[in-house]
Amino acid sequence: MSTSLKRSILGRGKGYLNFAGPQSRFIIFLIFVLMAYTLLLRVFQKLAEMLQLPLFFSISLITLLVFIGVVGTVYSHSFVGPMLRIRRTIDQLAQGDTSVCIRLRESDDPMLKELVDSICRLAQHHRNSHAAIAASAQDLTEAIGSLQHAVQAGADKAELQKHLDGVRGKRDVLEKMVESLGGS
């Protein structure tokens, strides 16, 4: 097997398998479920032989459905709940609420915890950016007020130019902050 094919299959780059994360835990879980069901099936088969039950197939099928339903519900609980909280938080972020914070249970998937940490860092970055933009806008407003006061006081051309240069500098800083957020 070629090295590039191995990398593709094993998860280096854009492969299908990543043995270090939730994918490996899920594969191990499936193996466990299949082994447990096989054991359960053998028990029912022996029981059916001893009791001479003609309904072995029906009983084993019902048992399989119940077993998979219970085990699947228990297993999926560790990632469905966190995914719903993450989705609600992202919706809040999209609506402009940067005060969001997500808390996961200790038993939740570590990969989801990393995602939550990234979302919290994003929210913190936006809070900091919004605070910096608000402070910069306030500085710009004060500089414009100072320029207006200088104009009304009849300041000379050099002083007005100095105030105007200050206003332009503060405007440029504000524009750079807005651009860093992806604004136009």
C-alpha atoms as a PDB file:
ATOM      1  CA  MET A   1       0.000   0.000   0.000  1.00  0.00           C
ATOM      2  CA  SER A   2       1.439   3.374  -0.951  1.00  0.00           C
ATOM      3  CA  THR A   3       2.314   5.968   1.682  1.00  0.00           C
ATOM      4  CA  SER A   4      -0.125   8.526   0.293  1.00  0.00           C
ATOM      5  CA  LEU A   5      -2.966   5.987   0.372  1.00  0.00           C
ATOM      6  CA  LYS A   6      -2.118   5.081   3.982  1.00  0.00           C
ATOM      7  CA  ARG A   7      -2.134   8.754   4.926  1.00  0.00           C
ATOM      8  CA  SER A   8      -5.470   9.211   3.202  1.00  0.00           C
ATOM      9  CA  ILE A   9      -7.063   6.280   5.029  1.00  0.00           C
ATOM     10  CA  LEU A  10      -5.472   6.888   8.425  1.00  0.00           C
ATOM     11  CA  GLY A  11      -6.365  10.533   8.707  1.00  0.00           C
ATOM     12  CA  ARG A  12      -3.279  12.546   7.970  1.00  0.00           C
ATOM     13  CA  GLY A  13      -4.591  15.491   6.074  1.00  0.00           C
ATOM     14  CA  LYS A  14      -8.096  14.823   4.790  1.00  0.00           C
ATOM     15  CA  GLY A  15      -8.401  11.126   5.618  1.00  0.00           C
ATOM     16  CA  TYR A  16     -11.267   9.114   6.995  1.00  0.00           C
ATOM     17  CA  LEU A  17      -9.859   7.818  10.273  1.00  0.00           C
ATOM     18  CA  ASN A  18      -8.485   9.800  13.177  1.00  0.00           C
ATOM     19  CA  PHE A  19      -7.390   7.367  15.875  1.00  0.00           C
ATOM     20  CA  ALA A  20      -6.719  10.034  18.493  1.00  0.00           C
ATOM     21  CA  GLY A  21     -10.208  11.407  18.859  1.00  0.00           C
ATOM     22  CA  PRO A  22     -13.887  10.698  19.165  1.00  0.00           C
ATOM     23  CA  GLN A  23     -13.855   8.578  16.035  1.00  0.00           C
ATOM     24  CA  SER A  24     -11.730   5.927  17.716  1.00  0.00           C
ATOM     25  CA  ARG A  25     -13.932   5.990  20.827  1.00  0.00           C
ATOM     26  CA  PHE A  26     -16.987   5.498  18.621  1.00  0.00           C
ATOM     27  CA  ILE A  27     -15.361   2.572  16.787  1.00  0.00           C
ATOM     28  CA  ILE A  28     -14.451   0.960  20.107  1.00  0.00           C
ATOM     29  CA  PHE A  29     -18.016   1.575  21.308  1.00  0.00           C
ATOM     30  CA  LEU A  30     -19.431  -0.126  18.210  1.00  0.00           C
ATOM     31  CA  ILE A  31     -17.117  -3.095  18.681  1.00  0.00           C
ATOM     32  CA  PHE A  32     -18.267  -3.346  22.294  1.00  0.00           C
ATOM     33  CA  VAL A  33     -21.937  -3.152  21.276  1.00  0.00           C
ATOM     34  CA  LEU A  34     -21.503  -5.857  18.632  1.00  0.00           C
ATOM     35  CA  MET A  35     -19.645  -8.116  21.049  1.00  0.00           C
ATOM     36  CA  ALA A  36     -22.268  -7.592  23.753  1.00  0.00           C
ATOM     37  CA  TYR A  37     -25.098  -8.226  21.316  1.00  0.00           C
ATOM     38  CA  THR A  38     -23.393 -11.367  19.999  1.00  0.00           C
ATOM     39  CA  LEU A  39     -23.089 -12.626  23.562  1.00  0.00           C
ATOM     40  CA  LEU A  40     -26.730 -11.753  24.214  1.00  0.00           C
ATOM     41  CA  LEU A  41     -27.759 -13.476  21.009  1.00  0.00           C
ATOM     42  CA  ARG A  42     -25.881 -16.643  22.000  1.00  0.00           C
ATOM     43  CA  VAL A  43     -27.585 -16.614  25.402  1.00  0.00           C
ATOM     44  CA  PHE A  44     -31.014 -16.303  23.763  1.00  0.00           C
ATOM     45  CA  GLN A  45     -30.128 -19.024  21.268  1.00  0.00           C
ATOM     46  CA  LYS A  46     -29.167 -21.416  24.067  1.00  0.00           C
ATOM     47  CA  LEU A  47     -32.288 -20.428  25.999  1.00  0.00           C
ATOM     48  CA  ALA A  48     -34.455 -21.044  22.925  1.00  0.00           C
ATOM     49  CA  GLU A  49     -32.865 -24.480  22.451  1.00  0.00           C
ATOM     50  CA  MET A  50     -33.426 -25.398  26.092  1.00  0.00           C
ATOM     51  CA  LEU A  51     -37.022 -24.188  26.163  1.00  0.00           C
ATOM     52  CA  GLN A  52     -37.695 -25.232  22.574  1.00  0.00           C
ATOM     53  CA  LEU A  53     -39.011 -21.785  21.598  1.00  0.00           C
ATOM     54  CA  PRO A  54     -39.966 -21.470  17.927  1.00  0.00           C
ATOM     55  CA  LEU A  55     -39.935 -17.663  18.211  1.00  0.00           C
ATOM     56  CA  PHE A  56     -36.161 -17.292  18.575  1.00  0.00           C
ATOM     57  CA  PHE A  57     -35.823 -14.918  15.599  1.00  0.00           C
ATOM     58  CA  SER A  58     -38.612 -12.623  16.829  1.00  0.00           C
ATOM     59  CA  ILE A  59     -37.235 -12.520  20.373  1.00  0.00           C
ATOM     60  CA  SER A  60     -33.692 -11.828  19.171  1.00  0.00           C
ATOM     61  CA  LEU A  61     -34.884  -9.057  16.840  1.00  0.00           C
ATOM     62  CA  ILE A  62     -36.882  -7.356  19.603  1.00  0.00           C
ATOM     63  CA  THR A  63     -33.913  -7.733  21.950  1.00  0.00           C
ATOM     64  CA  LEU A  64     -31.625  -6.189  19.346  1.00  0.00           C
ATOM     65  CA  LEU A  65     -33.914  -3.191  18.887  1.00  0.00           C
ATOM     66  CA  VAL A  66     -34.249  -2.603  22.635  1.00  0.00           C
ATOM     67  CA  PHE A  67     -30.524  -3.104  23.203  1.00  0.00           C
ATOM     68  CA  ILE A  68     -29.499  -0.707  20.437  1.00  0.00           C
ATOM     69  CA  GLY A  69     -32.125   1.811  21.537  1.00  0.00           C
ATOM     70  CA  VAL A  70     -30.945   1.872  25.156  1.00  0.00           C
ATOM     71  CA  VAL A  71     -27.221   1.794  24.380  1.00  0.00           C
ATOM     72  CA  GLY A  72     -27.565   4.351  21.558  1.00  0.00           C
ATOM     73  CA  THR A  73     -29.509   6.728  23.802  1.00  0.00           C
ATOM     74  CA  VAL A  74     -26.945   6.474  26.583  1.00  0.00           C
ATOM     75  CA  TYR A  75     -24.002   6.956  24.206  1.00  0.00           C
ATOM     76  CA  SER A  76     -25.523   9.778  22.149  1.00  0.00           C
ATOM     77  CA  HIS A  77     -26.365  11.699  25.324  1.00  0.00           C
ATOM     78  CA  SER A  78     -22.690  12.636  25.656  1.00  0.00           C
ATOM     79  CA  PHE A  79     -22.622  14.545  22.376  1.00  0.00           C
ATOM     80  CA  VAL A  80     -26.186  15.523  21.438  1.00  0.00           C
ATOM     81  CA  GLY A  81     -26.730  17.689  24.536  1.00  0.00           C
ATOM     82  CA  PRO A  82     -23.461  19.598  24.097  1.00  0.00           C
ATOM     83  CA  MET A  83     -24.137  20.066  20.375  1.00  0.00           C
ATOM     84  CA  LEU A  84     -27.517  21.644  21.159  1.00  0.00           C
ATOM     85  CA  ARG A  85     -25.885  24.024  23.685  1.00  0.00           C
ATOM     86  CA  ILE A  86     -23.167  24.881  21.168  1.00  0.00           C
ATOM     87  CA  ARG A  87     -25.759  25.614  18.465  1.00  0.00           C
ATOM     88  CA  ARG A  88     -27.770  27.885  20.796  1.00  0.00           C
ATOM     89  CA  THR A  89     -24.587  29.726  21.761  1.00  0.00           C
ATOM     90  CA  ILE A  90     -23.565  30.245  18.137  1.00  0.00           C
ATOM     91  CA  ASP A  91     -27.073  31.583  17.419  1.00  0.00           C
ATOM     92  CA  GLN A  92     -26.648  34.035  20.308  1.00  0.00           C
ATOM     93  CA  LEU A  93     -23.253  35.102  18.949  1.00  0.00           C
ATOM     94  CA  ALA A  94     -24.790  35.611  15.502  1.00  0.00           C
ATOM     95  CA  GLN A  95     -27.386  37.907  17.090  1.00  0.00           C
ATOM     96  CA  GLY A  96     -24.605  39.993  18.651  1.00  0.00           C
ATOM     97  CA  ASP A  97     -24.701  38.631  22.210  1.00  0.00           C
ATOM     98  CA  THR A  98     -21.024  38.244  23.092  1.00  0.00           C
ATOM     99  CA  SER A  99     -21.653  37.593  26.782  1.00  0.00           C
ATOM    100  CA  VAL A 100     -22.178  33.898  26.069  1.00  0.00           C
ATOM    101  CA  CYS A 101     -20.423  31.155  27.974  1.00  0.00           C
ATOM    102  CA  ILE A 102     -20.830  27.421  27.515  1.00  0.00           C
ATOM    103  CA  ARG A 103     -20.231  24.878  30.225  1.00  0.00           C
ATOM    104  CA  LEU A 104     -20.023  21.178  29.478  1.00  0.00           C
ATOM    105  CA  ARG A 105     -20.199  18.193  31.800  1.00  0.00           C
ATOM    106  CA  GLU A 106     -16.977  16.502  32.810  1.00  0.00           C
ATOM    107  CA  SER A 107     -18.145  13.375  30.980  1.00  0.00           C
ATOM    108  CA  ASP A 108     -18.736  15.164  27.657  1.00  0.00           C
ATOM    109  CA  ASP A 109     -16.515  14.484  24.671  1.00  0.00           C
ATOM    110  CA  PRO A 110     -13.067  16.162  24.872  1.00  0.00           C
ATOM    111  CA  MET A 111     -13.268  17.249  21.236  1.00  0.00           C
ATOM    112  CA  LEU A 112     -16.488  19.132  21.995  1.00  0.00           C
ATOM    113  CA  LYS A 113     -14.754  20.743  24.965  1.00  0.00           C
ATOM    114  CA  GLU A 114     -12.051  22.037  22.601  1.00  0.00           C
ATOM    115  CA  LEU A 115     -14.765  23.428  20.319  1.00  0.00           C
ATOM    116  CA  VAL A 116     -16.418  25.149  23.288  1.00  0.00           C
ATOM    117  CA  ASP A 117     -13.069  26.670  24.303  1.00  0.00           C
ATOM    118  CA  SER A 118     -12.659  28.045  20.769  1.00  0.00           C
ATOM    119  CA  ILE A 119     -16.170  29.530  20.829  1.00  0.00           C
ATOM    120  CA  CYS A 120     -15.494  31.151  24.220  1.00  0.00           C
ATOM    121  CA  ARG A 121     -12.238  32.640  22.899  1.00  0.00           C
ATOM    122  CA  LEU A 122     -14.119  33.970  19.865  1.00  0.00           C
ATOM    123  CA  ALA A 123     -16.756  35.588  22.090  1.00  0.00           C
ATOM    124  CA  GLN A 124     -14.017  37.116  24.284  1.00  0.00           C
ATOM    125  CA  HIS A 125     -12.226  38.455  21.200  1.00  0.00           C
ATOM    126  CA  HIS A 126     -15.437  40.084  19.984  1.00  0.00           C
ATOM    127  CA  ARG A 127     -16.112  41.575  23.430  1.00  0.00           C
ATOM    128  CA  ASN A 128     -12.610  43.048  23.486  1.00  0.00           C
ATOM    129  CA  SER A 129     -12.898  44.315  19.902  1.00  0.00           C
ATOM    130  CA  HIS A 130     -16.264  45.948  20.565  1.00  0.00           C
ATOM    131  CA  ALA A 131     -14.915  47.634  23.697  1.00  0.00           C
ATOM    132  CA  ALA A 132     -11.865  48.912  21.786  1.00  0.00           C
ATOM    133  CA  ILE A 133     -14.051  50.208  18.941  1.00  0.00           C
ATOM    134  CA  ALA A 134     -16.379  51.935  21.408  1.00  0.00           C
ATOM    135  CA  ALA A 135     -13.400  53.586  23.125  1.00  0.00           C
ATOM    136  CA  SER A 136     -11.948  54.635  19.760  1.00  0.00           C
ATOM    137  CA  ALA A 137     -15.297  56.052  18.638  1.00  0.00           C
ATOM    138  CA  GLN A 138     -15.507  58.004  21.902  1.00  0.00           C
ATOM    139  CA  ASP A 139     -11.997  59.393  21.294  1.00  0.00           C
ATOM    140  CA  LEU A 140     -13.026  60.384  17.768  1.00  0.00           C
ATOM    141  CA  THR A 141     -16.164  62.100  19.055  1.00  0.00           C
ATOM    142  CA  GLU A 142     -14.106  64.044  21.600  1.00  0.00           C
ATOM    143  CA  ALA A 143     -11.556  65.020  18.927  1.00  0.00           C
ATOM    144  CA  ILE A 144     -14.365  66.284  16.663  1.00  0.00           C
ATOM    145  CA  GLY A 145     -15.802  68.230  19.587  1.00  0.00           C
ATOM    146  CA  SER A 146     -12.391  69.746  20.243  1.00  0.00           C
ATOM    147  CA  LEU A 147     -12.092  70.693  16.551  1.00  0.00           C
ATOM    148  CA  GLN A 148     -15.546  72.279  16.591  1.00  0.00           C
ATOM    149  CA  HIS A 149     -14.641  74.233  19.703  1.00  0.00           C
ATOM    150  CA  ALA A 150     -11.411  75.437  18.062  1.00  0.00           C
ATOM    151  CA  VAL A 151     -13.357  76.543  14.945  1.00  0.00           C
ATOM    152  CA  GLN A 152     -15.912  78.403  17.077  1.00  0.00           C
ATOM    153  CA  ALA A 153     -13.119  80.035  19.080  1.00  0.00           C
ATOM    154  CA  GLY A 154     -11.558  81.304  15.854  1.00  0.00           C
ATOM    155  CA  ALA A 155      -8.325  79.315  16.071  1.00  0.00           C
ATOM    156  CA  ASP A 156      -5.653  80.001  13.529  1.00  0.00           C
ATOM    157  CA  LYS A 157      -5.061  77.752  10.519  1.00  0.00           C
ATOM    158  CA  ALA A 158      -2.098  75.849  12.038  1.00  0.00           C
ATOM    159  CA  GLU A 159      -4.072  74.959  15.181  1.00  0.00           C
ATOM    160  CA  LEU A 160      -7.096  73.879  13.112  1.00  0.00           C
ATOM    161  CA  GLN A 161      -4.845  71.738  10.931  1.00  0.00           C
ATOM    162  CA  LYS A 162      -3.395  70.115  14.070  1.00  0.00           C
ATOM    163  CA  HIS A 163      -6.916  69.287  15.327  1.00  0.00           C
ATOM    164  CA  LEU A 164      -7.950  68.028  11.887  1.00  0.00           C
ATOM    165  CA  ASP A 165      -4.876  65.760  11.681  1.00  0.00           C
ATOM    166  CA  GLY A 166      -5.770  64.340  15.118  1.00  0.00           C
ATOM    167  CA  VAL A 167      -9.341  63.645  13.955  1.00  0.00           C
ATOM    168  CA  ARG A 168      -8.075  61.921  10.799  1.00  0.00           C
ATOM    169  CA  GLY A 169      -5.640  59.798  12.831  1.00  0.00           C
ATOM    170  CA  LYS A 170      -8.386  58.665  15.196  1.00  0.00           C
ATOM    171  CA  ARG A 171     -10.662  57.945  12.220  1.00  0.00           C
ATOM    172  CA  ASP A 172      -7.934  55.799  10.623  1.00  0.00           C
ATOM    173  CA  VAL A 173      -7.479  53.832  13.853  1.00  0.00           C
ATOM    174  CA  LEU A 174     -11.239  53.266  14.077  1.00  0.00           C
ATOM    175  CA  GLU A 175     -11.421  52.141  10.438  1.00  0.00           C
ATOM    176  CA  LYS A 176      -8.602  49.626  11.009  1.00  0.00           C
ATOM    177  CA  MET A 177     -10.419  48.192  14.020  1.00  0.00           C
ATOM    178  CA  VAL A 178     -13.637  47.843  12.052  1.00  0.00           C
ATOM    179  CA  GLU A 179     -11.745  46.190   9.164  1.00  0.00           C
ATOM    180  CA  SER A 180     -10.173  43.713  11.591  1.00  0.00           C
ATOM    181  CA  LEU A 181     -13.688  42.534  12.465  1.00  0.00           C
ATOM    182  CA  GLY A 182     -14.461  41.914   8.804  1.00  0.00           C
ATOM    183  CA  GLY A 183     -16.475  45.083   8.328  1.00  0.00           C
ATOM    184  CA  SER A 184     -16.259  47.253   5.260  1.00  0.00           C
END
